[in-house]
Amino acid sequence: MTKQPQRLLIIGGSDAGISCGLRVKELDASTQVTILLQDQFPNLSICGIPYVIGGEVTPWQNLAHRSLATLQSTGINFVMNTTVSEIHATDHQVVATHTDTHQTEVYEYDQLLVGTGARPLVPAIDGLEAAHERIRVLHTMADFFAIEALLSQPTMKRVAILGSGYIGLEMAEALWHRNLAVTIFQRGIEVLSTLDDDLGKIVHQELLAHDIEVITDANVSKISPSATGISVQFGKEASQTADFDLLLVVTGVTPNSELLEQAGALLDQHHAVQVDDQMHTSLQDIWAAGDLVATKHRLLKSAYLPLGTTSHKQGRVAGSNIAGHPVAFQGIVGTQVLKIFDLVAARTGLTTQEARHAGFDSIDQVSVLDDHKAYIPGSKPITIKIIGDRNTGRLLGAQLIGAYGSEVAKRNDIYAVAIYNGMSVAEVSDLDLSYSPPLGSPWDAVQAATQAWEMHKYY
């Protein structure tokens, strides 16, 4: 009897889903792979949307990691504009409705990968939940098209951004490129809360230098329609009001895990799906990867930290296991980077507060160092914060801010590798790093910063 090919059904056509499907096809071309996605834009870089809005990337179709034709050439079947409503885990069935025809269809599977990602987290502010064309989130291509249509109107002058994370700051720069007046409202005392406040302050100053208005500790209390757009009420005792033509809400995301929750999968305290190292959920023959899952963290055991790089890795791991090639997801250390105007801000590992909250006896040290030998024209300072454990000397985290072109991201990656491998702060000084006067120093800034931490620890 001829063995029937395995049927893999994937819900979600973004990073995790595509990575899984491609990996399965690489390892077992006979597997029938079908991907269901809500829109018609598989494998687009949603992270690149701010750069389209800012005019650096044109046309928007260039955001595609791969063309649809390239993806289909691998043998993957795509079912577009389809919304999944139910997973029947016992019966190995998925119920979905096609947006165009409104017809409901049942899909059967042998293995199921859920890569539904995350959805925008909208804070509980009076009036923010109201449907208004000038209150927008930025999460999908549909959001992009709606925002772009509004920005193209000649009356568009002032834009407010609620939230100052990575997307909020990238959008601030994009809107600045379009000669719009931008105001950022940040709930905390400093922008970019993935950094400690002392480094966030450097990013804050870069925004101000480009005429971006920044209101920290904003305490936004009410959002309401105005004659021309949106009115924002903020400040102590809601004492201030400002009007804008558009309000962008970019205050983070939450796992889009409802389908798996309803199917009976185990979730964690963040409402993220629990998976093992092979990306298998608690349900038989159902896998999950990407922004909806709890992520293995090499310092914290588990965390919810949605990142595109992680989604790609987890999708690939799931695909390998589904295809019968056992591998394990090795975990993350929280490595991130942002370019904002002429600065690059990067981090890896834990911030000072995260380390203390996790139970480490952490101490930190900030150093300002040249990106290459100062006698070579053009050297620029890099601010580096090192976080380490007082008792063991283990490297727990690093944060870097420096000029665009100063290899900030790649220096941050050195610390990421060190943390991943459980190295001590002192051991970073033993690394054999490259040196040439126009590019670095005999002791690279990476190592000078760890040596400064050692001096601070002992003295």
Protein backbone atom coordinates (compact mmCIF):
# COMPACT_ATOMS: atom_id res chain seq x y z
CA MET A 1 0.00 0.00 0.00
CA THR A 2 1.34 3.42 -0.95
CA LYS A 3 1.83 5.73 2.01
CA GLN A 4 -0.27 8.88 1.81
CA PRO A 5 1.66 12.19 1.96
CA GLN A 6 1.46 14.05 5.24
CA ARG A 7 -0.90 17.04 5.27
CA LEU A 8 0.47 20.11 7.05
CA LEU A 9 -1.93 22.99 7.58
CA ILE A 10 -0.52 26.37 8.63
CA ILE A 11 -2.61 29.22 10.02
CA GLY A 12 -0.81 32.51 9.34
CA GLY A 13 1.33 33.60 6.41
CA SER A 14 3.90 35.76 8.17
CA ASP A 15 7.39 34.97 9.52
CA ALA A 16 6.69 31.82 11.56
CA GLY A 17 4.24 30.24 9.15
CA ILE A 18 6.32 30.83 6.04
CA SER A 19 9.53 29.67 7.74
CA CYS A 20 7.80 26.48 8.85
CA GLY A 21 6.33 25.73 5.43
CA LEU A 22 9.60 26.35 3.60
CA ARG A 23 11.58 24.18 6.03
CA VAL A 24 9.14 21.28 5.69
CA LYS A 25 9.35 21.48 1.90
CA GLU A 26 13.16 21.54 2.08
CA LEU A 27 13.25 18.36 4.16
CA ASP A 28 10.24 16.47 2.80
CA ALA A 29 8.96 17.72 -0.54
CA SER A 30 6.13 15.15 -0.48
CA THR A 31 4.36 16.88 2.43
CA GLN A 32 1.25 18.73 1.33
CA VAL A 33 1.57 22.22 2.82
CA THR A 34 -1.38 24.61 2.86
CA ILE A 35 -1.20 28.07 4.39
CA LEU A 36 -4.36 29.95 5.39
CA LEU A 37 -3.93 33.70 5.77
CA GLN A 38 -6.35 36.51 6.55
CA ASP A 39 -5.14 38.86 3.82
CA GLN A 40 -3.35 38.48 0.49
CA PHE A 41 0.13 39.55 1.52
CA PRO A 42 2.20 36.51 2.52
CA ASN A 43 5.76 36.93 3.75
CA LEU A 44 5.76 40.74 3.83
CA SER A 45 8.09 42.58 6.21
CA ILE A 46 5.61 44.39 8.42
CA CYS A 47 8.66 45.79 10.28
CA GLY A 48 9.44 47.77 7.15
CA ILE A 49 6.17 49.71 6.99
CA PRO A 50 7.58 52.85 8.68
CA TYR A 51 10.24 53.04 5.98
CA VAL A 52 7.59 52.93 3.27
CA ILE A 53 5.63 55.69 5.01
CA GLY A 54 8.81 57.73 5.33
CA GLY A 55 9.59 57.36 1.63
CA GLU A 56 12.79 55.36 2.02
CA VAL A 57 11.27 52.22 0.48
CA THR A 58 9.21 52.40 -2.72
CA PRO A 59 7.00 50.82 -3.79
CA TRP A 60 5.50 49.01 -0.81
CA GLN A 61 5.66 45.71 -2.73
CA ASN A 62 9.41 45.71 -2.07
CA LEU A 63 8.61 44.71 1.51
CA ALA A 64 8.06 41.14 0.32
CA HIS A 65 10.78 38.80 1.58
CA ARG A 66 9.84 36.54 -1.34
CA SER A 67 7.34 36.93 -4.16
CA LEU A 68 4.17 34.85 -4.15
CA ALA A 69 5.39 33.12 -7.30
CA THR A 70 8.64 32.14 -5.57
CA LEU A 71 6.74 30.78 -2.57
CA GLN A 72 4.31 28.84 -4.74
CA SER A 73 7.19 27.36 -6.74
CA THR A 74 8.15 25.37 -3.63
CA GLY A 75 4.82 23.56 -3.78
CA ILE A 76 3.13 25.43 -0.93
CA ASN A 77 -0.58 26.08 -1.47
CA PHE A 78 -1.85 29.49 -0.34
CA VAL A 79 -5.46 30.18 0.58
CA MET A 80 -5.84 33.97 0.81
CA ASN A 81 -8.40 36.20 2.53
CA THR A 82 -9.45 33.43 4.87
CA THR A 83 -10.32 33.73 8.56
CA VAL A 84 -10.09 30.70 10.84
CA SER A 85 -12.83 30.53 13.47
CA GLU A 86 -12.31 27.14 15.11
CA ILE A 87 -9.76 24.40 15.66
CA HIS A 88 -11.20 20.96 16.38
CA ALA A 89 -8.12 19.31 17.84
CA THR A 90 -9.65 15.86 18.39
CA ASP A 91 -10.97 15.65 14.83
CA HIS A 92 -7.88 17.26 13.29
CA GLN A 93 -10.02 19.86 11.57
CA VAL A 94 -9.99 23.64 11.12
CA VAL A 95 -13.06 25.72 10.26
CA ALA A 96 -12.43 28.81 8.12
CA THR A 97 -14.47 31.39 6.23
CA HIS A 98 -13.41 32.94 2.94
CA THR A 99 -13.79 36.72 3.13
CA ASP A 100 -14.64 37.18 -0.55
CA THR A 101 -17.38 34.56 -0.82
CA HIS A 102 -18.42 34.28 2.85
CA GLN A 103 -18.33 30.53 2.42
CA THR A 104 -17.25 28.34 5.31
CA GLU A 105 -14.94 25.41 4.68
CA VAL A 106 -13.51 22.64 6.84
CA TYR A 107 -9.80 21.81 6.37
CA GLU A 108 -8.39 18.52 7.59
CA TYR A 109 -4.80 18.08 8.67
CA ASP A 110 -2.29 15.58 9.99
CA GLN A 111 -0.16 18.31 11.54
CA LEU A 112 -1.17 21.90 12.31
CA LEU A 113 1.11 24.91 12.82
CA VAL A 114 -0.52 28.00 14.32
CA GLY A 115 1.35 31.20 13.55
CA THR A 116 -1.33 33.82 14.20
CA GLY A 117 1.16 36.22 15.78
CA ALA A 118 0.05 39.06 18.02
CA ARG A 119 -2.58 41.77 17.94
CA PRO A 120 -2.29 45.41 19.01
CA LEU A 121 -2.61 46.10 22.70
CA VAL A 122 -4.83 49.15 23.18
CA PRO A 123 -4.66 50.75 26.64
CA ALA A 124 -7.79 51.42 28.67
CA ILE A 125 -8.13 55.14 27.96
CA ASP A 126 -11.54 56.76 27.80
CA GLY A 127 -12.55 57.18 24.16
CA LEU A 128 -9.67 55.17 22.68
CA GLU A 129 -11.87 52.16 22.03
CA ALA A 130 -14.23 54.21 19.84
CA ALA A 131 -14.16 53.53 16.12
CA HIS A 132 -12.81 56.67 14.43
CA GLU A 133 -11.01 56.86 11.11
CA ARG A 134 -8.32 59.10 12.60
CA ILE A 135 -7.45 56.74 15.45
CA ARG A 136 -5.21 54.05 13.96
CA VAL A 137 -3.04 51.12 14.96
CA LEU A 138 -0.20 49.91 12.76
CA HIS A 139 -0.06 46.14 12.54
CA THR A 140 -1.20 44.92 9.12
CA MET A 141 -1.06 45.98 5.49
CA ALA A 142 -4.70 47.10 5.80
CA ASP A 143 -3.58 49.45 8.58
CA PHE A 144 -0.81 50.76 6.33
CA PHE A 145 -3.16 51.47 3.44
CA ALA A 146 -5.59 53.31 5.72
CA ILE A 147 -2.84 55.40 7.33
CA GLU A 148 -1.23 56.21 4.00
CA ALA A 149 -4.57 57.42 2.62
CA LEU A 150 -4.99 59.75 5.59
CA LEU A 151 -1.42 61.05 5.42
CA SER A 152 -1.90 61.89 1.73
CA GLN A 153 -4.64 64.36 2.54
CA PRO A 154 -3.45 67.99 2.21
CA THR A 155 -5.04 68.92 5.56
CA MET A 156 -2.80 66.52 7.45
CA LYS A 157 -0.44 68.63 9.59
CA ARG A 158 -0.17 67.26 13.15
CA VAL A 159 0.16 63.64 14.21
CA ALA A 160 0.19 62.24 17.74
CA ILE A 161 1.85 58.93 18.58
CA LEU A 162 0.74 57.09 21.69
CA GLY A 163 3.69 54.99 22.79
CA SER A 164 7.45 55.32 22.30
CA GLY A 165 8.62 51.80 21.62
CA TYR A 166 10.39 50.73 18.45
CA ILE A 167 7.45 51.20 16.09
CA GLY A 168 6.46 54.50 17.70
CA LEU A 169 9.92 55.98 17.28
CA GLU A 170 10.36 54.65 13.75
CA MET A 171 7.01 56.18 12.83
CA ALA A 172 8.02 59.49 14.39
CA GLU A 173 11.02 59.64 12.07
CA ALA A 174 8.93 58.54 9.08
CA LEU A 175 6.39 61.30 9.68
CA TRP A 176 9.21 63.83 10.18
CA HIS A 177 10.44 62.90 6.70
CA ARG A 178 6.98 63.88 5.45
CA ASN A 179 7.29 67.32 7.09
CA LEU A 180 4.56 66.64 9.64
CA ALA A 181 4.54 67.95 13.19
CA VAL A 182 4.86 64.97 15.53
CA THR A 183 4.08 64.64 19.24
CA ILE A 184 4.92 61.49 21.19
CA PHE A 185 2.98 60.66 24.35
CA GLN A 186 4.85 58.25 26.64
CA ARG A 187 3.30 56.85 29.82
CA GLY A 188 6.65 56.25 31.54
CA ILE A 189 9.28 58.74 32.59
CA GLU A 190 11.48 58.13 29.53
CA VAL A 191 11.14 56.97 25.93
CA LEU A 192 12.11 53.50 24.72
CA SER A 193 11.43 51.57 27.90
CA THR A 194 13.38 48.56 26.63
CA LEU A 195 16.43 50.57 27.69
CA ASP A 196 17.20 51.89 31.16
CA ASP A 197 16.11 55.48 31.62
CA ASP A 198 19.62 56.94 31.52
CA LEU A 199 20.12 55.61 28.00
CA GLY A 200 16.54 56.35 26.99
CA LYS A 201 17.31 59.98 27.78
CA ILE A 202 19.92 60.02 24.99
CA VAL A 203 17.28 58.88 22.49
CA HIS A 204 14.92 61.53 23.91
CA GLN A 205 17.46 64.25 23.14
CA GLU A 206 17.85 62.98 19.57
CA LEU A 207 14.10 63.31 19.07
CA LEU A 208 14.10 66.85 20.43
CA ALA A 209 17.01 67.75 18.15
CA HIS A 210 14.76 66.90 15.21
CA ASP A 211 11.82 68.93 16.54
CA ILE A 212 9.83 65.90 17.67
CA GLU A 213 7.74 66.93 20.69
CA VAL A 214 8.05 64.37 23.49
CA ILE A 215 5.68 64.33 26.46
CA THR A 216 6.80 61.78 29.05
CA ASP A 217 4.88 60.77 32.14
CA ALA A 218 1.98 61.89 29.98
CA ASN A 219 -0.96 60.34 31.81
CA VAL A 220 -3.31 60.46 28.82
CA SER A 221 -6.81 60.29 30.28
CA LYS A 222 -9.24 60.85 27.40
CA ILE A 223 -9.42 60.72 23.62
CA SER A 224 -12.31 62.43 21.85
CA PRO A 225 -13.25 63.67 18.36
CA SER A 226 -12.52 67.33 17.57
CA ALA A 227 -13.65 69.60 14.76
CA THR A 228 -10.72 68.55 12.57
CA GLY A 229 -9.56 65.25 14.02
CA ILE A 230 -8.71 63.97 17.49
CA SER A 231 -8.38 65.71 20.84
CA VAL A 232 -6.02 64.29 23.48
CA GLN A 233 -6.51 65.11 27.15
CA PHE A 234 -3.44 64.55 29.33
CA GLY A 235 -1.36 65.74 32.27
CA LYS A 236 -1.97 65.86 35.98
CA GLU A 237 -5.67 66.08 36.71
CA ALA A 238 -6.26 66.05 32.92
CA SER A 239 -5.33 69.70 32.80
CA GLN A 240 -4.03 69.87 29.21
CA THR A 241 -5.61 69.27 25.82
CA ALA A 242 -4.11 69.13 22.33
CA ASP A 243 -5.71 68.57 18.92
CA PHE A 244 -4.26 66.42 16.15
CA ASP A 245 -5.20 65.36 12.65
CA LEU A 246 -4.26 61.73 13.35
CA LEU A 247 -3.56 59.57 16.41
CA LEU A 248 -1.38 56.46 16.04
CA VAL A 249 -1.67 53.93 18.85
CA VAL A 250 1.51 51.85 19.09
CA THR A 251 1.51 50.72 22.72
CA GLY A 252 2.62 47.14 22.27
CA VAL A 253 1.01 43.83 21.39
CA THR A 254 -0.59 40.85 23.09
CA PRO A 255 -0.60 37.20 21.92
CA ASN A 256 -3.24 36.37 19.33
CA SER A 257 -3.84 33.03 21.03
CA GLU A 258 -7.64 32.80 21.26
CA LEU A 259 -7.95 30.03 18.66
CA LEU A 260 -5.62 27.76 20.57
CA GLU A 261 -7.07 28.73 23.91
CA GLN A 262 -10.55 27.74 22.71
CA ALA A 263 -9.09 24.49 21.39
CA GLY A 264 -7.78 23.70 24.88
CA ALA A 265 -4.08 24.56 24.62
CA LEU A 266 -2.21 25.61 27.74
CA LEU A 267 -1.36 29.33 28.05
CA ASP A 268 0.92 31.22 30.44
CA GLN A 269 0.29 34.31 32.55
CA HIS A 270 0.80 36.56 29.52
CA HIS A 271 -1.90 34.67 27.60
CA ALA A 272 0.89 33.25 25.43
CA VAL A 273 0.76 29.66 24.22
CA GLN A 274 3.04 27.26 26.06
CA VAL A 275 5.25 25.17 23.80
CA ASP A 276 8.11 22.76 24.36
CA ASP A 277 11.57 23.12 22.84
CA GLN A 278 10.31 21.53 19.61
CA MET A 279 7.47 24.13 19.40
CA HIS A 280 4.78 21.55 20.13
CA THR A 281 1.74 22.78 22.09
CA SER A 282 -0.08 20.76 24.75
CA LEU A 283 -2.43 19.50 22.00
CA GLN A 284 -1.60 16.46 19.89
CA ASP A 285 -0.20 17.23 16.43
CA ILE A 286 -0.56 21.00 16.95
CA TRP A 287 2.48 23.26 16.90
CA ALA A 288 2.81 27.01 17.45
CA ALA A 289 5.53 29.55 16.70
CA GLY A 290 6.05 33.30 16.63
CA ASP A 291 4.47 36.17 18.48
CA LEU A 292 1.69 34.11 20.09
CA VAL A 293 3.96 31.80 22.11
CA ALA A 294 5.87 32.01 25.36
CA THR A 295 9.53 32.14 24.37
CA LYS A 296 12.37 30.18 25.91
CA HIS A 297 14.79 32.73 27.40
CA ARG A 298 18.33 31.74 28.38
CA LEU A 299 18.34 34.03 31.43
CA LEU A 300 14.68 34.02 32.48
CA LYS A 301 13.60 30.48 31.48
CA SER A 302 10.47 31.84 29.79
CA ALA A 303 9.31 35.26 28.58
CA TYR A 304 6.90 36.94 26.19
CA LEU A 305 9.09 38.92 23.81
CA PRO A 306 7.64 39.09 20.28
CA LEU A 307 10.37 39.62 17.69
CA GLY A 308 10.61 38.86 13.99
CA THR A 309 13.98 37.14 14.36
CA THR A 310 12.51 34.79 16.96
CA SER A 311 9.49 34.01 14.78
CA HIS A 312 11.71 32.98 11.88
CA LYS A 313 13.78 30.67 14.10
CA GLN A 314 10.79 29.10 15.82
CA GLY A 315 8.99 28.47 12.52
CA ARG A 316 12.08 26.77 11.14
CA VAL A 317 12.43 24.61 14.27
CA ALA A 318 8.76 23.58 14.08
CA GLY A 319 9.14 22.75 10.39
CA SER A 320 12.18 20.55 11.03
CA ASN A 321 10.34 18.57 13.69
CA ILE A 322 7.19 18.22 11.62
CA ALA A 323 9.30 16.86 8.77
CA GLY A 324 10.82 14.25 11.10
CA HIS A 325 14.20 15.90 11.73
CA PRO A 326 14.29 16.51 15.51
CA VAL A 327 15.79 19.83 16.62
CA ALA A 328 15.25 22.08 19.62
CA PHE A 329 14.73 25.82 19.85
CA GLN A 330 17.73 27.07 21.83
CA GLY A 331 16.18 30.23 23.24
CA ILE A 332 16.75 33.97 23.02
CA VAL A 333 18.49 36.61 25.10
CA GLY A 334 16.34 39.60 24.10
CA THR A 335 18.52 41.18 21.41
CA GLN A 336 17.04 44.28 19.75
CA VAL A 337 18.21 47.29 17.79
CA LEU A 338 16.69 50.56 16.56
CA LYS A 339 17.88 53.30 14.24
CA ILE A 340 16.41 56.70 15.06
CA PHE A 341 17.65 59.59 12.94
CA ASP A 342 21.44 59.65 13.38
CA LEU A 343 21.54 57.29 16.36
CA VAL A 344 21.46 53.53 16.80
CA ALA A 345 20.22 52.12 20.10
CA ALA A 346 20.71 48.44 20.89
CA ARG A 347 20.24 46.09 23.79
CA THR A 348 20.65 42.44 24.69
CA GLY A 349 20.10 40.40 27.80
CA LEU A 350 18.42 42.08 30.76
CA THR A 351 18.08 45.70 31.77
CA THR A 352 19.10 46.69 35.28
CA GLN A 353 15.54 46.46 36.58
CA GLU A 354 14.83 43.21 34.75
CA ALA A 355 17.94 41.63 36.26
CA ARG A 356 16.99 42.66 39.78
CA HIS A 357 13.40 41.51 39.28
CA ALA A 358 14.74 38.12 38.14
CA GLY A 359 16.66 37.76 41.40
CA PHE A 360 20.18 38.60 40.26
CA ASP A 361 22.42 40.75 42.45
CA SER A 362 23.16 43.01 39.52
CA ILE A 363 25.40 46.01 39.24
CA ASP A 364 25.87 48.20 36.19
CA GLN A 365 28.45 50.54 34.75
CA VAL A 366 28.16 53.12 31.97
CA SER A 367 31.16 53.99 29.79
CA VAL A 368 31.54 56.44 26.91
CA LEU A 369 34.11 55.19 24.42
CA ASP A 370 35.37 56.02 20.93
CA ASP A 371 34.14 53.82 18.10
CA HIS A 372 37.67 53.78 16.67
CA LYS A 373 41.06 55.32 17.46
CA ALA A 374 40.59 59.05 18.05
CA TYR A 375 43.62 60.00 15.99
CA ILE A 376 41.75 58.80 12.91
CA PRO A 377 39.35 61.58 11.84
CA GLY A 378 35.67 60.91 12.31
CA SER A 379 35.69 58.95 15.56
CA LYS A 380 32.42 59.15 17.49
CA PRO A 381 31.42 58.18 21.02
CA ILE A 382 29.48 55.05 21.91
CA THR A 383 27.71 54.91 25.27
CA ILE A 384 27.76 51.37 26.65
CA LYS A 385 26.06 50.10 29.79
CA ILE A 386 27.12 46.72 31.14
CA ILE A 387 24.94 44.80 33.59
CA GLY A 388 26.55 41.89 35.44
CA ASP A 389 25.99 39.72 38.48
CA ARG A 390 27.98 40.88 41.50
CA ASN A 391 28.48 37.37 42.88
CA THR A 392 29.26 35.29 39.81
CA GLY A 393 30.52 37.98 37.45
CA ARG A 394 28.16 36.66 34.79
CA LEU A 395 27.27 39.05 31.96
CA LEU A 396 23.54 39.72 32.23
CA GLY A 397 22.92 42.56 29.80
CA ALA A 398 24.30 45.33 27.63
CA GLN A 399 22.88 48.53 26.17
CA LEU A 400 24.59 50.62 23.52
CA ILE A 401 23.88 53.95 21.86
CA GLY A 402 26.05 55.50 19.19
CA ALA A 403 26.12 57.17 15.82
CA TYR A 404 24.74 55.44 12.75
CA GLY A 405 27.77 53.84 11.09
CA SER A 406 29.60 53.08 14.34
CA GLU A 407 28.85 49.35 14.23
CA VAL A 408 26.61 49.63 17.29
CA ALA A 409 24.41 46.70 16.25
CA LYS A 410 27.32 44.35 15.59
CA ARG A 411 29.03 45.29 18.83
CA ASN A 412 25.76 44.54 20.59
CA ASP A 413 25.76 41.15 18.87
CA ILE A 414 29.09 40.32 20.52
CA TYR A 415 27.45 40.77 23.90
CA ALA A 416 24.46 38.71 22.70
CA VAL A 417 26.74 35.80 21.83
CA ALA A 418 28.51 36.12 25.19
CA ILE A 419 25.22 36.08 27.14
CA TYR A 420 23.89 33.21 25.03
CA ASN A 421 26.93 31.15 26.01
CA GLY A 422 26.84 32.09 29.70
CA MET A 423 30.10 34.01 29.67
CA SER A 424 31.28 36.25 32.47
CA VAL A 425 31.94 39.95 32.03
CA ALA A 426 35.66 39.29 32.42
CA GLU A 427 35.70 36.64 29.72
CA VAL A 428 34.58 39.18 27.11
CA SER A 429 38.05 40.75 27.44
CA ASP A 430 39.58 37.45 26.32
CA LEU A 431 37.75 37.45 23.00
CA ASP A 432 39.92 37.75 19.91
CA LEU A 433 38.31 40.72 18.18
CA SER A 434 39.49 42.43 15.02
CA TYR A 435 41.41 45.72 15.13
CA SER A 436 42.44 48.43 12.73
CA PRO A 437 42.73 52.12 13.76
CA PRO A 438 39.94 53.36 11.44
CA LEU A 439 37.61 50.64 12.74
CA GLY A 440 38.35 50.06 16.41
CA SER A 441 40.99 49.94 19.11
CA PRO A 442 43.35 47.26 20.45
CA TRP A 443 40.83 46.91 23.23
CA ASP A 444 37.58 47.34 21.36
CA ALA A 445 34.88 49.51 22.94
CA VAL A 446 33.09 46.24 23.71
CA GLN A 447 35.99 45.13 25.91
CA ALA A 448 36.84 48.54 27.37
CA ALA A 449 33.27 48.67 28.68
CA THR A 450 33.47 45.25 30.33
CA GLN A 451 36.82 46.17 31.88
CA ALA A 452 35.25 49.33 33.29
CA TRP A 453 32.51 47.16 34.83
CA GLU A 454 35.18 45.01 36.50
CA MET A 455 36.88 48.08 37.95
CA HIS A 456 33.52 49.36 39.19
CA LYS A 457 32.75 46.00 40.81
CA TYR A 458 35.99 45.88 42.78
CA TYR A 459 36.44 49.56 43.54
